[in-house]
């Protein structure tokens, strides 16, 4: 935590973000001036740089439903052992060895008994204990009552496709592109004025924090 809390590191991070926004403003300024001075050439350049990358194609393998129930049932006794042993060990550690102050020190939090941070850490501790108790129950069901576990899984198991939920966000929207192409000089003036304000503000900020 001392490395992150270092004033030099924090100053460098702020300067990096300011320079990043300043560079973005200069690029936007160039685009705005280009749309005003040479609309056709700038539009051709923007069209050549414009590429659509579909996240649906990239994430398609991650959205395939793989049913592992048959494999789990085949090796259910072997899988139940680490469930029960690991969860039991975790419960023992959380119940007897958990130190709120040590957790607070590791994350730079004030974990005195009266603070919110202390309450949050204690809440996390009990949430982990409850979760591990559930893991013990699942391990016992897996080893000795597989039918009950299958019925429980059938009632609670639902497949939600991320690709279907965000399909609308993966469609190309050219409304702004068409407006810029139809009124390049008006768009250029708007982009130029906005980027000038951005560049001036961040230039002043950059010189101010040195």
N, C-alpha and C. Protein backbone atom coordinates (compact mmCIF):
# COMPACT_ATOMS: atom_id res chain seq x y z
N UNK A 1 0.82 -1.20 0.00
CA UNK A 1 0.00 0.00 0.00
C UNK A 1 0.86 1.25 0.00
N UNK A 2 2.08 1.16 0.55
CA UNK A 2 2.95 2.32 0.58
C UNK A 2 3.32 2.78 -0.81
N UNK A 3 3.48 1.84 -1.75
CA UNK A 3 3.82 2.20 -3.12
C UNK A 3 2.70 3.01 -3.75
N UNK A 4 1.44 2.57 -3.54
CA UNK A 4 0.30 3.27 -4.13
C UNK A 4 0.08 4.61 -3.45
N UNK A 5 0.34 4.67 -2.14
CA UNK A 5 0.13 5.90 -1.38
C UNK A 5 1.23 6.92 -1.58
N UNK A 6 2.27 6.57 -2.31
CA UNK A 6 3.39 7.49 -2.52
C UNK A 6 2.92 8.73 -3.28
N UNK A 7 3.35 9.89 -2.81
CA UNK A 7 2.97 11.15 -3.46
C UNK A 7 3.49 11.21 -4.89
N UNK A 8 4.70 10.67 -5.10
CA UNK A 8 5.28 10.70 -6.44
C UNK A 8 4.47 9.85 -7.41
N UNK A 9 4.00 8.68 -6.96
CA UNK A 9 3.19 7.81 -7.82
C UNK A 9 1.85 8.46 -8.11
N UNK A 10 1.22 9.05 -7.10
CA UNK A 10 -0.06 9.72 -7.32
C UNK A 10 0.09 10.91 -8.27
N UNK A 11 1.17 11.67 -8.12
CA UNK A 11 1.42 12.81 -9.01
C UNK A 11 1.63 12.33 -10.44
N UNK A 12 2.39 11.24 -10.59
CA UNK A 12 2.62 10.69 -11.93
C UNK A 12 1.31 10.22 -12.56
N UNK A 13 0.44 9.58 -11.78
CA UNK A 13 -0.84 9.10 -12.30
C UNK A 13 -1.71 10.26 -12.76
N UNK A 14 -1.75 11.33 -11.96
CA UNK A 14 -2.54 12.51 -12.34
C UNK A 14 -1.98 13.14 -13.61
N UNK A 15 -0.67 13.29 -13.69
CA UNK A 15 -0.05 13.86 -14.88
C UNK A 15 -0.31 13.01 -16.11
N UNK A 16 -0.26 11.69 -15.95
CA UNK A 16 -0.52 10.79 -17.08
C UNK A 16 -1.94 10.98 -17.60
N UNK A 17 -2.92 11.05 -16.70
CA UNK A 17 -4.31 11.23 -17.13
C UNK A 17 -4.51 12.58 -17.80
N UNK A 18 -3.87 13.62 -17.26
CA UNK A 18 -4.00 14.96 -17.86
C UNK A 18 -3.40 14.97 -19.26
N UNK A 19 -2.21 14.39 -19.42
CA UNK A 19 -1.58 14.33 -20.75
C UNK A 19 -2.42 13.50 -21.71
N UNK A 20 -3.04 12.42 -21.21
CA UNK A 20 -3.88 11.59 -22.05
C UNK A 20 -5.08 12.37 -22.59
N UNK A 21 -5.75 13.11 -21.70
CA UNK A 21 -6.88 13.92 -22.14
C UNK A 21 -6.42 15.07 -23.03
N UNK A 22 -5.26 15.63 -22.75
CA UNK A 22 -4.72 16.70 -23.59
C UNK A 22 -4.43 16.20 -24.99
N UNK A 23 -3.84 15.00 -25.09
CA UNK A 23 -3.57 14.42 -26.41
C UNK A 23 -4.87 14.13 -27.15
N UNK A 24 -5.87 13.62 -26.45
CA UNK A 24 -7.17 13.39 -27.08
C UNK A 24 -7.80 14.67 -27.58
N UNK A 25 -7.65 15.75 -26.79
CA UNK A 25 -8.18 17.04 -27.23
C UNK A 25 -7.48 17.56 -28.47
N UNK A 26 -6.16 17.35 -28.55
CA UNK A 26 -5.41 17.79 -29.74
C UNK A 26 -5.82 17.01 -30.98
N UNK A 27 -6.05 15.70 -30.82
CA UNK A 27 -6.53 14.90 -31.94
C UNK A 27 -7.90 15.38 -32.40
N UNK A 28 -8.80 15.62 -31.43
CA UNK A 28 -10.13 16.12 -31.77
C UNK A 28 -10.05 17.49 -32.43
N UNK A 29 -9.11 18.32 -31.96
CA UNK A 29 -8.92 19.63 -32.58
C UNK A 29 -8.49 19.50 -34.04
N UNK A 30 -7.58 18.56 -34.30
CA UNK A 30 -7.16 18.32 -35.68
C UNK A 30 -8.30 17.86 -36.56
N UNK A 31 -9.16 16.98 -36.02
CA UNK A 31 -10.32 16.51 -36.79
C UNK A 31 -11.27 17.67 -37.08
N UNK A 32 -11.53 18.50 -36.06
CA UNK A 32 -12.44 19.62 -36.25
C UNK A 32 -11.93 20.60 -37.29
N UNK A 33 -10.64 20.96 -37.20
CA UNK A 33 -10.06 21.87 -38.18
C UNK A 33 -10.07 21.24 -39.58
N UNK A 34 -9.79 19.94 -39.66
CA UNK A 34 -9.82 19.26 -40.94
C UNK A 34 -11.21 19.28 -41.57
N UNK A 35 -12.25 19.12 -40.77
CA UNK A 35 -13.62 19.16 -41.30
C UNK A 35 -13.97 20.55 -41.81
N UNK A 36 -13.40 21.58 -41.18
CA UNK A 36 -13.67 22.94 -41.64
C UNK A 36 -12.90 23.26 -42.91
N UNK A 37 -11.62 22.95 -42.93
CA UNK A 37 -10.74 23.34 -44.04
C UNK A 37 -10.85 22.40 -45.22
N UNK A 38 -10.82 21.10 -44.98
CA UNK A 38 -10.83 20.10 -46.06
C UNK A 38 -11.82 19.00 -45.69
N UNK A 39 -13.10 19.29 -45.88
CA UNK A 39 -14.15 18.38 -45.43
C UNK A 39 -14.07 17.02 -46.13
N UNK A 40 -13.93 17.04 -47.44
CA UNK A 40 -13.96 15.79 -48.20
C UNK A 40 -12.80 14.88 -47.82
N UNK A 41 -11.60 15.44 -47.75
CA UNK A 41 -10.44 14.63 -47.39
C UNK A 41 -10.52 14.09 -45.98
N UNK A 42 -11.00 14.91 -45.04
CA UNK A 42 -11.13 14.45 -43.65
C UNK A 42 -12.16 13.34 -43.53
N UNK A 43 -13.28 13.47 -44.25
CA UNK A 43 -14.31 12.43 -44.22
C UNK A 43 -13.78 11.12 -44.81
N UNK A 44 -12.97 11.22 -45.87
CA UNK A 44 -12.38 10.01 -46.45
C UNK A 44 -11.42 9.36 -45.45
N UNK A 45 -10.64 10.18 -44.73
CA UNK A 45 -9.71 9.65 -43.73
C UNK A 45 -10.47 8.97 -42.60
N UNK A 46 -11.54 9.61 -42.13
CA UNK A 46 -12.33 9.01 -41.05
C UNK A 46 -12.99 7.72 -41.49
N UNK A 47 -13.45 7.68 -42.74
CA UNK A 47 -14.06 6.46 -43.27
C UNK A 47 -13.04 5.33 -43.36
N UNK A 48 -11.79 5.68 -43.73
CA UNK A 48 -10.75 4.65 -43.83
C UNK A 48 -10.35 4.12 -42.45
N UNK A 49 -10.42 4.99 -41.44
CA UNK A 49 -10.05 4.57 -40.08
C UNK A 49 -11.18 3.86 -39.35
N UNK A 50 -12.39 4.02 -39.85
CA UNK A 50 -13.56 3.47 -39.16
C UNK A 50 -13.65 1.97 -39.40
N UNK A 51 -13.52 1.20 -38.31
CA UNK A 51 -13.62 -0.26 -38.40
C UNK A 51 -14.52 -0.75 -37.26
N UNK A 52 -15.42 -1.65 -37.59
CA UNK A 52 -16.32 -2.20 -36.58
C UNK A 52 -15.83 -3.56 -36.13
N UNK A 53 -15.63 -3.70 -34.83
CA UNK A 53 -15.20 -4.97 -34.25
C UNK A 53 -16.36 -5.51 -33.41
N UNK A 54 -16.92 -6.62 -33.82
CA UNK A 54 -18.08 -7.19 -33.15
C UNK A 54 -17.64 -8.00 -31.93
N UNK A 55 -18.13 -7.62 -30.76
CA UNK A 55 -17.81 -8.39 -29.56
C UNK A 55 -18.55 -9.72 -29.54
N UNK A 56 -19.66 -9.83 -30.28
CA UNK A 56 -20.41 -11.08 -30.30
C UNK A 56 -19.59 -12.19 -30.94
N UNK A 57 -18.83 -11.88 -31.98
CA UNK A 57 -18.00 -12.89 -32.61
C UNK A 57 -16.87 -13.32 -31.68
N UNK A 58 -16.30 -12.36 -30.97
CA UNK A 58 -15.17 -12.67 -30.09
C UNK A 58 -15.62 -13.50 -28.90
N UNK A 59 -16.80 -13.18 -28.35
CA UNK A 59 -17.26 -13.86 -27.13
C UNK A 59 -18.13 -15.08 -27.41
N UNK A 60 -18.30 -15.44 -28.67
CA UNK A 60 -19.17 -16.58 -29.00
C UNK A 60 -18.74 -17.87 -28.31
N UNK A 61 -17.44 -18.23 -28.30
CA UNK A 61 -17.05 -19.48 -27.60
C UNK A 61 -17.35 -19.45 -26.10
N UNK A 62 -17.37 -18.25 -25.49
CA UNK A 62 -17.62 -18.15 -24.06
C UNK A 62 -19.10 -18.31 -23.74
N UNK A 63 -19.96 -18.20 -24.73
CA UNK A 63 -21.40 -18.22 -24.50
C UNK A 63 -22.02 -19.59 -24.81
N UNK A 64 -21.17 -20.58 -25.05
CA UNK A 64 -21.67 -21.92 -25.34
C UNK A 64 -21.94 -22.65 -24.02
N UNK A 65 -23.11 -23.25 -23.91
CA UNK A 65 -23.50 -23.95 -22.68
C UNK A 65 -22.85 -25.34 -22.66
N UNK A 66 -22.03 -25.58 -21.64
CA UNK A 66 -21.37 -26.87 -21.46
C UNK A 66 -21.98 -27.58 -20.25
N UNK A 67 -22.62 -28.70 -20.48
CA UNK A 67 -23.27 -29.46 -19.41
C UNK A 67 -22.27 -30.47 -18.82
N UNK A 68 -21.90 -30.25 -17.57
CA UNK A 68 -20.91 -31.12 -16.90
C UNK A 68 -21.56 -32.01 -15.84
N UNK A 69 -22.89 -32.09 -15.84
CA UNK A 69 -23.56 -32.85 -14.79
C UNK A 69 -23.19 -34.34 -14.83
N UNK A 70 -23.11 -34.92 -16.01
CA UNK A 70 -22.77 -36.34 -16.11
C UNK A 70 -21.37 -36.60 -15.56
N UNK A 71 -20.41 -35.72 -15.88
CA UNK A 71 -19.05 -35.88 -15.38
C UNK A 71 -19.00 -35.73 -13.86
N UNK A 72 -19.76 -34.76 -13.35
CA UNK A 72 -19.78 -34.55 -11.90
C UNK A 72 -20.37 -35.76 -11.18
N UNK A 73 -21.45 -36.30 -11.71
CA UNK A 73 -22.06 -37.46 -11.08
C UNK A 73 -21.14 -38.69 -11.11
N UNK A 74 -20.35 -38.81 -12.15
CA UNK A 74 -19.45 -39.94 -12.28
C UNK A 74 -18.37 -39.90 -11.20
N UNK A 75 -17.88 -38.71 -10.89
CA UNK A 75 -16.80 -38.57 -9.91
C UNK A 75 -17.29 -37.81 -8.67
N UNK A 76 -18.54 -38.02 -8.31
CA UNK A 76 -19.13 -37.21 -7.24
C UNK A 76 -18.45 -37.43 -5.90
N UNK A 77 -18.03 -38.65 -5.59
CA UNK A 77 -17.37 -38.89 -4.30
C UNK A 77 -16.02 -38.18 -4.23
N UNK A 78 -15.27 -38.22 -5.32
CA UNK A 78 -13.98 -37.55 -5.34
C UNK A 78 -14.14 -36.03 -5.26
N UNK A 79 -15.19 -35.49 -5.87
CA UNK A 79 -15.41 -34.06 -5.84
C UNK A 79 -15.97 -33.60 -4.50
N UNK A 80 -16.70 -34.47 -3.82
CA UNK A 80 -17.29 -34.08 -2.53
C UNK A 80 -16.22 -33.88 -1.47
N UNK A 81 -15.13 -34.63 -1.54
CA UNK A 81 -14.07 -34.54 -0.54
C UNK A 81 -13.46 -33.13 -0.48
N UNK A 82 -12.98 -32.56 -1.60
CA UNK A 82 -12.42 -31.20 -1.50
C UNK A 82 -13.47 -30.16 -1.14
N UNK A 83 -14.74 -30.37 -1.54
CA UNK A 83 -15.79 -29.45 -1.15
C UNK A 83 -15.91 -29.37 0.37
N UNK A 84 -16.05 -30.54 0.98
CA UNK A 84 -16.26 -30.59 2.43
C UNK A 84 -15.00 -30.20 3.18
N UNK A 85 -13.84 -30.76 2.77
CA UNK A 85 -12.59 -30.47 3.49
C UNK A 85 -12.18 -29.01 3.34
N UNK A 86 -12.26 -28.48 2.11
CA UNK A 86 -11.86 -27.09 1.89
C UNK A 86 -12.78 -26.11 2.59
N UNK A 87 -14.09 -26.36 2.50
CA UNK A 87 -15.03 -25.47 3.16
C UNK A 87 -14.91 -25.57 4.68
N UNK A 88 -14.69 -26.77 5.22
CA UNK A 88 -14.51 -26.92 6.66
C UNK A 88 -13.27 -26.20 7.16
N UNK A 89 -12.18 -26.31 6.41
CA UNK A 89 -10.96 -25.61 6.79
C UNK A 89 -11.16 -24.10 6.76
N UNK A 90 -11.87 -23.61 5.73
CA UNK A 90 -12.13 -22.18 5.62
C UNK A 90 -13.01 -21.69 6.78
N UNK A 91 -14.02 -22.46 7.13
CA UNK A 91 -14.89 -22.07 8.24
C UNK A 91 -14.11 -22.01 9.54
N UNK A 92 -13.25 -22.99 9.77
CA UNK A 92 -12.42 -23.00 10.98
C UNK A 92 -11.53 -21.76 11.05
N UNK A 93 -10.89 -21.43 9.91
CA UNK A 93 -10.03 -20.26 9.88
C UNK A 93 -10.80 -18.97 10.08
N UNK A 94 -11.95 -18.85 9.44
CA UNK A 94 -12.75 -17.63 9.57
C UNK A 94 -13.32 -17.48 10.97
N UNK A 95 -13.62 -18.60 11.62
CA UNK A 95 -14.23 -18.54 12.95
C UNK A 95 -13.19 -18.33 14.06
N UNK A 96 -11.96 -18.81 13.87
CA UNK A 96 -10.99 -18.78 14.97
C UNK A 96 -9.76 -17.92 14.69
N UNK A 97 -9.38 -17.75 13.41
CA UNK A 97 -8.13 -17.07 13.10
C UNK A 97 -8.33 -15.72 12.40
N UNK A 98 -9.54 -15.34 12.14
CA UNK A 98 -9.80 -14.13 11.38
C UNK A 98 -9.50 -12.89 12.24
N UNK A 99 -8.69 -11.98 11.70
CA UNK A 99 -8.30 -10.77 12.43
C UNK A 99 -8.75 -9.55 11.63
N UNK A 100 -9.75 -8.85 12.15
CA UNK A 100 -10.29 -7.69 11.44
C UNK A 100 -9.24 -6.60 11.28
N UNK A 101 -8.45 -6.37 12.31
CA UNK A 101 -7.42 -5.33 12.24
C UNK A 101 -6.35 -5.65 11.19
N UNK A 102 -6.00 -6.93 11.07
CA UNK A 102 -5.00 -7.31 10.07
C UNK A 102 -5.53 -7.06 8.66
N UNK A 103 -6.80 -7.38 8.44
CA UNK A 103 -7.41 -7.12 7.12
C UNK A 103 -7.43 -5.62 6.85
N UNK A 104 -7.81 -4.85 7.86
CA UNK A 104 -7.82 -3.40 7.69
C UNK A 104 -6.45 -2.84 7.39
N UNK A 105 -5.42 -3.35 8.07
CA UNK A 105 -4.06 -2.89 7.82
C UNK A 105 -3.61 -3.22 6.40
N UNK A 106 -3.98 -4.43 5.92
CA UNK A 106 -3.58 -4.84 4.57
C UNK A 106 -4.18 -3.95 3.49
N UNK A 107 -5.40 -3.47 3.72
CA UNK A 107 -6.08 -2.65 2.71
C UNK A 107 -6.10 -1.16 3.08
N UNK A 108 -5.39 -0.79 4.12
CA UNK A 108 -5.31 0.61 4.51
C UNK A 108 -6.61 1.17 5.04
N UNK A 109 -7.39 0.34 5.80
CA UNK A 109 -8.70 0.76 6.31
C UNK A 109 -8.63 0.97 7.82
N UNK A 110 -9.48 1.87 8.28
CA UNK A 110 -9.62 2.10 9.71
C UNK A 110 -10.66 1.13 10.25
N UNK A 111 -10.21 0.04 10.89
CA UNK A 111 -11.12 -1.02 11.32
C UNK A 111 -11.31 -1.03 12.83
N UNK A 112 -11.30 0.15 13.44
CA UNK A 112 -11.67 0.20 14.85
C UNK A 112 -13.12 -0.22 15.01
N UNK A 113 -13.52 -0.77 16.16
CA UNK A 113 -14.85 -1.35 16.32
C UNK A 113 -16.01 -0.44 15.94
N UNK A 114 -15.84 0.87 16.06
CA UNK A 114 -16.94 1.80 15.82
C UNK A 114 -17.04 2.28 14.38
N UNK A 115 -16.16 1.83 13.51
CA UNK A 115 -16.12 2.35 12.14
C UNK A 115 -16.95 1.49 11.19
N UNK A 116 -17.33 2.12 10.08
CA UNK A 116 -18.09 1.40 9.05
C UNK A 116 -17.22 0.32 8.41
N UNK A 117 -15.92 0.62 8.23
CA UNK A 117 -15.01 -0.36 7.62
C UNK A 117 -14.97 -1.64 8.43
N UNK A 118 -14.96 -1.51 9.75
CA UNK A 118 -14.97 -2.70 10.61
C UNK A 118 -16.24 -3.51 10.40
N UNK A 119 -17.36 -2.81 10.31
CA UNK A 119 -18.63 -3.51 10.08
C UNK A 119 -18.64 -4.22 8.73
N UNK A 120 -18.09 -3.56 7.70
CA UNK A 120 -18.05 -4.17 6.37
C UNK A 120 -17.16 -5.42 6.36
N UNK A 121 -16.01 -5.35 7.03
CA UNK A 121 -15.11 -6.51 7.07
C UNK A 121 -15.76 -7.66 7.83
N UNK A 122 -16.44 -7.35 8.93
CA UNK A 122 -17.13 -8.40 9.69
C UNK A 122 -18.27 -9.00 8.86
N UNK A 123 -18.97 -8.16 8.12
CA UNK A 123 -20.05 -8.66 7.26
C UNK A 123 -19.50 -9.59 6.19
N UNK A 124 -18.35 -9.21 5.61
CA UNK A 124 -17.70 -10.06 4.62
C UNK A 124 -17.30 -11.40 5.25
N UNK A 125 -16.81 -11.35 6.46
CA UNK A 125 -16.42 -12.59 7.16
C UNK A 125 -17.61 -13.53 7.30
N UNK A 126 -18.74 -13.00 7.76
CA UNK A 126 -19.91 -13.86 7.95
C UNK A 126 -20.51 -14.33 6.63
N UNK A 127 -20.40 -13.50 5.61
CA UNK A 127 -20.86 -13.93 4.28
C UNK A 127 -20.03 -15.11 3.78
N UNK A 128 -18.72 -15.06 4.02
CA UNK A 128 -17.84 -16.17 3.63
C UNK A 128 -18.15 -17.42 4.45
N UNK A 129 -18.44 -17.24 5.73
CA UNK A 129 -18.78 -18.40 6.57
C UNK A 129 -20.05 -19.07 6.05
N UNK A 130 -21.08 -18.26 5.74
CA UNK A 130 -22.34 -18.81 5.22
C UNK A 130 -22.11 -19.50 3.88
N UNK A 131 -21.29 -18.89 3.04
CA UNK A 131 -21.01 -19.49 1.74
C UNK A 131 -20.30 -20.83 1.87
N UNK A 132 -19.37 -20.92 2.80
CA UNK A 132 -18.65 -22.18 3.00
C UNK A 132 -19.54 -23.23 3.66
N UNK A 133 -20.47 -22.81 4.52
CA UNK A 133 -21.44 -23.76 5.06
C UNK A 133 -22.30 -24.35 3.93
N UNK A 134 -22.68 -23.49 2.99
CA UNK A 134 -23.43 -23.97 1.83
C UNK A 134 -22.60 -24.96 1.02
N UNK A 135 -21.28 -24.71 0.92
CA UNK A 135 -20.41 -25.64 0.20
C UNK A 135 -20.34 -26.99 0.90
N UNK A 136 -20.33 -26.99 2.23
CA UNK A 136 -20.34 -28.25 2.98
C UNK A 136 -21.62 -29.03 2.70
N UNK A 137 -22.74 -28.31 2.71
CA UNK A 137 -24.03 -28.96 2.43
C UNK A 137 -24.03 -29.55 1.03
N UNK A 138 -23.52 -28.79 0.06
CA UNK A 138 -23.47 -29.29 -1.31
C UNK A 138 -22.58 -30.52 -1.41
N UNK A 139 -21.45 -30.51 -0.70
CA UNK A 139 -20.57 -31.67 -0.70
C UNK A 139 -21.23 -32.90 -0.13
N UNK A 140 -22.00 -32.73 0.95
CA UNK A 140 -22.71 -33.87 1.56
C UNK A 140 -23.78 -34.40 0.61
N UNK A 141 -24.54 -33.47 -0.01
CA UNK A 141 -25.56 -33.89 -0.97
C UNK A 141 -24.93 -34.61 -2.16
N UNK A 142 -23.79 -34.09 -2.62
CA UNK A 142 -23.12 -34.69 -3.76
C UNK A 142 -22.65 -36.11 -3.45
N UNK A 143 -22.19 -36.33 -2.23
CA UNK A 143 -21.65 -37.64 -1.86
C UNK A 143 -22.73 -38.65 -1.51
N UNK A 144 -23.76 -38.21 -0.79
CA UNK A 144 -24.71 -39.17 -0.23
C UNK A 144 -26.15 -39.02 -0.76
N UNK A 145 -26.49 -37.86 -1.29
CA UNK A 145 -27.86 -37.65 -1.78
C UNK A 145 -27.82 -37.00 -3.17
N UNK A 146 -27.27 -37.70 -4.17
CA UNK A 146 -27.13 -37.10 -5.50
C UNK A 146 -28.47 -36.76 -6.13
N UNK A 147 -29.50 -37.56 -5.87
CA UNK A 147 -30.82 -37.26 -6.44
C UNK A 147 -31.36 -35.94 -5.96
N UNK A 148 -31.18 -35.64 -4.66
CA UNK A 148 -31.65 -34.37 -4.11
C UNK A 148 -30.88 -33.20 -4.71
N UNK A 149 -29.58 -33.39 -4.93
CA UNK A 149 -28.78 -32.33 -5.53
C UNK A 149 -29.19 -32.08 -6.98
N UNK A 150 -29.49 -33.14 -7.72
CA UNK A 150 -29.93 -32.99 -9.11
C UNK A 150 -31.25 -32.24 -9.16
N UNK A 151 -32.18 -32.58 -8.25
CA UNK A 151 -33.47 -31.89 -8.21
C UNK A 151 -33.30 -30.42 -7.84
N UNK A 152 -32.41 -30.14 -6.88
CA UNK A 152 -32.15 -28.76 -6.49
C UNK A 152 -31.52 -27.97 -7.63
N UNK A 153 -30.60 -28.61 -8.34
CA UNK A 153 -29.94 -27.95 -9.46
C UNK A 153 -30.93 -27.68 -10.60
N UNK A 154 -31.84 -28.64 -10.82
CA UNK A 154 -32.82 -28.45 -11.89
C UNK A 154 -33.74 -27.28 -11.61
N UNK A 155 -34.05 -27.04 -10.34
CA UNK A 155 -34.94 -25.93 -9.97
C UNK A 155 -34.22 -24.59 -10.04
N UNK A 156 -32.94 -24.59 -9.71
CA UNK A 156 -32.22 -23.33 -9.64
C UNK A 156 -31.36 -23.01 -10.84
N UNK A 157 -31.13 -23.99 -11.70
CA UNK A 157 -30.23 -23.78 -12.84
C UNK A 157 -30.96 -23.10 -13.98
N UNK A 158 -30.47 -21.95 -14.38
CA UNK A 158 -31.00 -21.21 -15.53
C UNK A 158 -29.83 -20.70 -16.37
N UNK A 159 -29.98 -20.80 -17.68
CA UNK A 159 -28.92 -20.33 -18.58
C UNK A 159 -29.31 -18.97 -19.14
N UNK A 160 -28.45 -17.98 -18.91
CA UNK A 160 -28.68 -16.63 -19.43
C UNK A 160 -27.55 -16.30 -20.41
N UNK A 161 -27.93 -15.99 -21.63
CA UNK A 161 -26.95 -15.69 -22.66
C UNK A 161 -26.58 -14.21 -22.62
N UNK A 162 -25.32 -13.96 -22.36
CA UNK A 162 -24.83 -12.58 -22.36
C UNK A 162 -24.94 -11.96 -23.75
N UNK A 163 -24.75 -12.76 -24.78
CA UNK A 163 -24.80 -12.26 -26.15
C UNK A 163 -26.21 -11.83 -26.52
N UNK A 164 -27.21 -12.52 -26.00
CA UNK A 164 -28.59 -12.12 -26.27
C UNK A 164 -28.98 -10.87 -25.49
N UNK A 165 -28.49 -10.76 -24.26
CA UNK A 165 -28.84 -9.61 -23.44
C UNK A 165 -28.27 -8.32 -24.00
N UNK A 166 -27.08 -8.37 -24.58
CA UNK A 166 -26.42 -7.15 -25.08
C UNK A 166 -26.38 -7.11 -26.60
N UNK A 167 -27.27 -7.86 -27.26
CA UNK A 167 -27.25 -7.89 -28.72
C UNK A 167 -27.52 -6.52 -29.32
N UNK A 168 -28.40 -5.74 -28.68
CA UNK A 168 -28.71 -4.41 -29.21
C UNK A 168 -27.49 -3.49 -29.15
N UNK A 169 -26.62 -3.68 -28.16
CA UNK A 169 -25.44 -2.83 -28.04
C UNK A 169 -24.38 -3.16 -29.07
N UNK A 170 -24.53 -4.27 -29.79
CA UNK A 170 -23.53 -4.69 -30.76
C UNK A 170 -23.91 -4.30 -32.19
N UNK A 171 -24.96 -3.50 -32.32
CA UNK A 171 -25.38 -3.07 -33.65
C UNK A 171 -24.76 -1.71 -33.96
N UNK A 172 -24.34 -1.54 -35.20
CA UNK A 172 -23.70 -0.30 -35.61
C UNK A 172 -24.74 0.82 -35.73
N UNK A 173 -24.40 1.98 -35.17
CA UNK A 173 -25.27 3.14 -35.22
C UNK A 173 -24.53 4.28 -35.92
N UNK A 174 -25.01 4.63 -37.11
CA UNK A 174 -24.32 5.63 -37.93
C UNK A 174 -25.02 6.99 -37.91
N UNK A 175 -25.90 7.21 -36.93
CA UNK A 175 -26.64 8.48 -36.91
C UNK A 175 -25.70 9.68 -36.84
N UNK A 176 -24.72 9.64 -35.94
CA UNK A 176 -23.77 10.74 -35.81
C UNK A 176 -22.89 10.85 -37.04
N UNK A 177 -22.46 9.71 -37.59
CA UNK A 177 -21.62 9.73 -38.79
C UNK A 177 -22.36 10.38 -39.96
N UNK A 178 -23.64 10.04 -40.12
CA UNK A 178 -24.42 10.62 -41.21
C UNK A 178 -24.60 12.12 -41.03
N UNK A 179 -24.79 12.55 -39.77
CA UNK A 179 -24.96 13.98 -39.54
C UNK A 179 -23.66 14.74 -39.84
N UNK A 180 -22.52 14.17 -39.42
CA UNK A 180 -21.23 14.81 -39.71
C UNK A 180 -20.99 14.85 -41.21
N UNK A 181 -21.32 13.77 -41.92
CA UNK A 181 -21.14 13.74 -43.38
C UNK A 181 -22.05 14.73 -44.07
N UNK A 182 -23.25 14.95 -43.53
CA UNK A 182 -24.19 15.89 -44.14
C UNK A 182 -23.84 17.34 -43.83
N UNK A 183 -23.26 17.60 -42.67
CA UNK A 183 -22.90 18.98 -42.28
C UNK A 183 -21.48 18.99 -41.72
N UNK A 184 -20.49 18.74 -42.56
CA UNK A 184 -19.12 18.60 -42.05
C UNK A 184 -18.56 19.87 -41.42
N UNK A 185 -18.86 21.04 -42.02
CA UNK A 185 -18.29 22.27 -41.46
C UNK A 185 -18.95 22.66 -40.13
N UNK A 186 -20.25 22.45 -40.04
CA UNK A 186 -20.91 22.73 -38.76
C UNK A 186 -20.38 21.80 -37.67
N UNK A 187 -20.23 20.52 -38.01
CA UNK A 187 -19.66 19.56 -37.05
C UNK A 187 -18.22 19.94 -36.71
N UNK A 188 -17.48 20.41 -37.73
CA UNK A 188 -16.10 20.80 -37.50
C UNK A 188 -15.98 21.95 -36.52
N UNK A 189 -16.85 22.97 -36.66
CA UNK A 189 -16.82 24.09 -35.73
C UNK A 189 -17.17 23.65 -34.31
N UNK A 190 -18.16 22.78 -34.18
CA UNK A 190 -18.53 22.29 -32.84
C UNK A 190 -17.38 21.51 -32.21
N UNK A 191 -16.77 20.61 -32.99
CA UNK A 191 -15.65 19.81 -32.47
C UNK A 191 -14.46 20.70 -32.15
N UNK A 192 -14.18 21.69 -32.99
CA UNK A 192 -13.04 22.59 -32.78
C UNK A 192 -13.20 23.40 -31.50
N UNK A 193 -14.37 24.00 -31.31
CA UNK A 193 -14.60 24.82 -30.12
C UNK A 193 -14.53 23.96 -28.85
N UNK A 194 -15.19 22.78 -28.88
CA UNK A 194 -15.18 21.91 -27.71
C UNK A 194 -13.77 21.41 -27.40
N UNK A 195 -13.01 21.03 -28.44
CA UNK A 195 -11.66 20.53 -28.21
C UNK A 195 -10.71 21.64 -27.77
N UNK A 196 -10.93 22.89 -28.25
CA UNK A 196 -10.10 24.01 -27.78
C UNK A 196 -10.29 24.23 -26.29
N UNK A 197 -11.54 24.18 -25.84
CA UNK A 197 -11.81 24.33 -24.41
C UNK A 197 -11.12 23.21 -23.63
N UNK A 198 -11.22 21.99 -24.16
CA UNK A 198 -10.59 20.85 -23.49
C UNK A 198 -9.08 21.01 -23.43
N UNK A 199 -8.46 21.38 -24.54
CA UNK A 199 -7.00 21.53 -24.60
C UNK A 199 -6.52 22.63 -23.67
N UNK A 200 -7.21 23.77 -23.67
CA UNK A 200 -6.80 24.88 -22.81
C UNK A 200 -6.92 24.50 -21.33
N UNK A 201 -8.04 23.89 -20.98
CA UNK A 201 -8.24 23.51 -19.57
C UNK A 201 -7.18 22.54 -19.09
N UNK A 202 -6.91 21.50 -19.88
CA UNK A 202 -5.95 20.49 -19.43
C UNK A 202 -4.51 20.98 -19.55
N UNK A 203 -4.24 21.92 -20.46
CA UNK A 203 -2.89 22.51 -20.53
C UNK A 203 -2.64 23.33 -19.27
N UNK A 204 -3.63 24.13 -18.84
CA UNK A 204 -3.49 24.90 -17.60
C UNK A 204 -3.32 23.96 -16.41
N UNK A 205 -4.11 22.89 -16.40
CA UNK A 205 -4.01 21.92 -15.30
C UNK A 205 -2.65 21.24 -15.26
N UNK A 206 -2.12 20.92 -16.45
CA UNK A 206 -0.82 20.24 -16.52
C UNK A 206 0.29 21.13 -15.98
N UNK A 207 0.29 22.39 -16.37
CA UNK A 207 1.34 23.29 -15.88
C UNK A 207 1.13 23.61 -14.40
N UNK A 208 -0.11 23.51 -13.93
CA UNK A 208 -0.39 23.81 -12.53
C UNK A 208 0.06 22.75 -11.57
N UNK A 209 0.13 21.47 -12.04
CA UNK A 209 0.48 20.40 -11.12
C UNK A 209 1.94 20.01 -11.19
N UNK A 210 2.73 20.71 -11.96
CA UNK A 210 4.15 20.39 -12.03
C UNK A 210 4.89 20.94 -10.81
